[in-house]
Amino acid sequence: MLANWLIALFLAYHVGMPLTYYLSARVYDERFSWRMFSTVRLQECDVEVVEREGQREQPVNLERDIQAAWVGVLKRLRPAVVEKYLRRRCERSHAQEVTLRGHCVGTDGQALPERRFVLTCEGGELQQETAP
């Protein structure tokens, strides 16, 4: 009887854990191998990074700042990667705020809402916004 309960718990965990992806707002989280069937990976995204110092905004040339492979990872708009990169930009510049804007096109060719990540450099928390 105890063995049956342990097997049931084991199976429930291994089925339920990947399902948490579909029940959460983490659309760009691809930790599970069965995500290869997702259309999220097929979206084409371009990103732009802008630093604000006072009233002046300065675009960041990503290709000169980081390796091409990391530019590709940023284009996936994974929040943990975006936050790490924006914090790095804050450390290396005199910016007060760094913004990453992601412009994606879905697999059907339709433009998706802009995703915006804004980090206030002095002790700020990463803010995520989706344009309507």
Protein backbone atom coordinates (compact mmCIF):
# COMPACT_ATOMS: atom_id res chain seq x y z
CA MET A 1 0.00 0.00 0.00
CA LEU A 2 2.78 2.44 0.89
CA ALA A 3 4.58 1.55 -2.32
CA ASN A 4 1.48 2.47 -4.35
CA TRP A 5 1.30 5.87 -2.67
CA LEU A 6 5.00 6.53 -3.31
CA ILE A 7 4.62 5.58 -6.97
CA ALA A 8 1.54 7.82 -7.29
CA LEU A 9 3.39 10.76 -5.69
CA PHE A 10 6.41 10.19 -7.91
CA LEU A 11 4.28 10.17 -11.06
CA ALA A 12 2.24 13.18 -9.96
CA TYR A 13 5.41 15.19 -9.37
CA HIS A 14 6.94 14.28 -12.73
CA VAL A 15 3.77 15.13 -14.61
CA GLY A 16 2.88 18.21 -12.57
CA MET A 17 6.29 19.89 -12.54
CA PRO A 18 6.47 20.53 -16.30
CA LEU A 19 2.79 21.55 -16.29
CA THR A 20 3.67 24.46 -14.01
CA TYR A 21 5.20 26.08 -17.09
CA TYR A 22 1.85 26.20 -18.85
CA LEU A 23 0.04 27.49 -15.78
CA SER A 24 2.47 30.36 -15.12
CA ALA A 25 3.38 33.62 -16.83
CA ARG A 26 6.91 32.40 -17.65
CA VAL A 27 6.29 31.94 -21.36
CA TYR A 28 9.98 32.18 -22.22
CA ASP A 29 11.12 29.52 -19.74
CA GLU A 30 12.27 26.51 -21.74
CA ARG A 31 13.66 24.21 -19.06
CA PHE A 32 11.75 21.14 -20.19
CA SER A 33 12.84 19.15 -23.23
CA TRP A 34 9.30 18.78 -24.52
CA ARG A 35 9.27 22.55 -25.07
CA MET A 36 10.83 21.83 -28.48
CA PHE A 37 7.27 21.72 -29.77
CA SER A 38 6.56 25.25 -28.60
CA THR A 39 6.19 28.11 -31.05
CA VAL A 40 7.96 30.47 -28.60
CA ARG A 41 11.31 29.26 -29.92
CA LEU A 42 10.27 30.10 -33.48
CA GLN A 43 9.50 33.75 -32.77
CA GLU A 44 11.85 36.21 -34.43
CA CYS A 45 12.89 38.96 -32.03
CA ASP A 46 15.06 42.04 -32.28
CA VAL A 47 16.23 43.92 -29.23
CA GLU A 48 17.51 47.39 -28.61
CA VAL A 49 19.18 48.68 -25.46
CA VAL A 50 19.14 52.34 -24.47
CA GLU A 51 20.92 53.99 -21.54
CA ARG A 52 19.56 57.17 -20.02
CA GLU A 53 21.83 59.65 -18.30
CA GLY A 54 19.93 62.74 -17.23
CA GLN A 55 17.80 63.75 -20.22
CA ARG A 56 20.17 62.15 -22.72
CA GLU A 57 19.51 58.69 -24.15
CA GLN A 58 22.30 56.69 -25.74
CA PRO A 59 21.74 53.47 -27.71
CA VAL A 60 24.05 50.55 -26.94
CA ASN A 61 25.68 48.71 -29.83
CA LEU A 62 25.09 45.13 -28.68
CA GLU A 63 27.34 43.57 -31.32
CA ARG A 64 30.29 45.61 -30.02
CA ASP A 65 29.42 45.11 -26.35
CA ILE A 66 28.90 41.34 -26.16
CA GLN A 67 29.54 38.25 -28.26
CA ALA A 68 27.08 37.33 -30.99
CA ALA A 69 25.98 34.21 -29.10
CA TRP A 70 24.94 36.36 -26.12
CA VAL A 71 23.07 38.74 -28.42
CA GLY A 72 21.10 35.68 -29.55
CA VAL A 73 20.34 34.76 -25.95
CA LEU A 74 19.17 38.32 -25.22
CA LYS A 75 16.85 38.07 -28.23
CA ARG A 76 15.12 35.17 -26.48
CA LEU A 77 14.03 37.75 -23.83
CA ARG A 78 14.70 35.50 -20.87
CA PRO A 79 14.21 37.74 -17.83
CA ALA A 80 17.19 36.35 -15.86
CA VAL A 81 19.58 36.97 -18.78
CA VAL A 82 18.13 40.41 -19.51
CA GLU A 83 18.44 41.44 -15.86
CA LYS A 84 22.06 40.26 -15.63
CA TYR A 85 22.97 42.16 -18.80
CA LEU A 86 21.21 45.38 -17.74
CA ARG A 87 22.92 45.27 -14.32
CA ARG A 88 26.25 44.83 -16.09
CA ARG A 89 25.51 47.90 -18.24
CA CYS A 90 24.73 49.88 -15.08
CA GLU A 91 28.07 48.89 -13.56
CA ARG A 92 30.04 49.86 -16.68
CA SER A 93 28.42 53.19 -17.48
CA HIS A 94 27.21 56.35 -15.80
CA ALA A 95 23.63 55.64 -16.80
CA GLN A 96 20.78 56.22 -14.40
CA GLU A 97 18.48 53.84 -16.22
CA VAL A 98 18.92 51.09 -18.81
CA THR A 99 16.06 49.86 -21.00
CA LEU A 100 15.85 46.82 -23.26
CA ARG A 101 13.01 46.73 -25.78
CA GLY A 102 12.12 43.50 -27.52
CA HIS A 103 10.21 43.53 -30.79
CA CYS A 104 9.01 40.07 -31.80
CA VAL A 105 7.11 38.59 -34.71
CA GLY A 106 5.06 35.48 -34.04
CA THR A 107 5.12 32.35 -36.15
CA ASP A 108 2.05 33.62 -38.01
CA GLY A 109 3.93 36.76 -39.12
CA GLN A 110 1.98 39.08 -36.82
CA ALA A 111 3.88 41.60 -34.70
CA LEU A 112 3.64 40.79 -31.00
CA PRO A 113 3.32 43.47 -28.30
CA GLU A 114 6.62 45.11 -27.43
CA ARG A 115 8.24 43.75 -24.28
CA ARG A 116 10.16 46.30 -22.26
CA PHE A 117 12.61 45.72 -19.41
CA VAL A 118 13.62 48.81 -17.43
CA LEU A 119 16.29 48.84 -14.73
CA THR A 120 16.97 51.88 -12.57
CA CYS A 121 20.69 51.63 -11.94
CA GLU A 122 20.86 52.82 -8.36
CA GLY A 123 19.41 49.93 -6.40
CA GLY A 124 16.53 49.49 -8.77
CA GLU A 125 14.46 46.44 -9.42
CA LEU A 126 13.89 45.18 -12.94
CA GLN A 127 10.50 46.29 -14.24
CA GLN A 128 8.86 44.33 -17.05
CA GLU A 129 6.21 45.89 -19.21
CA THR A 130 4.28 44.74 -22.24
CA ALA A 131 3.05 47.44 -24.58
CA PRO A 132 -0.61 47.16 -25.59
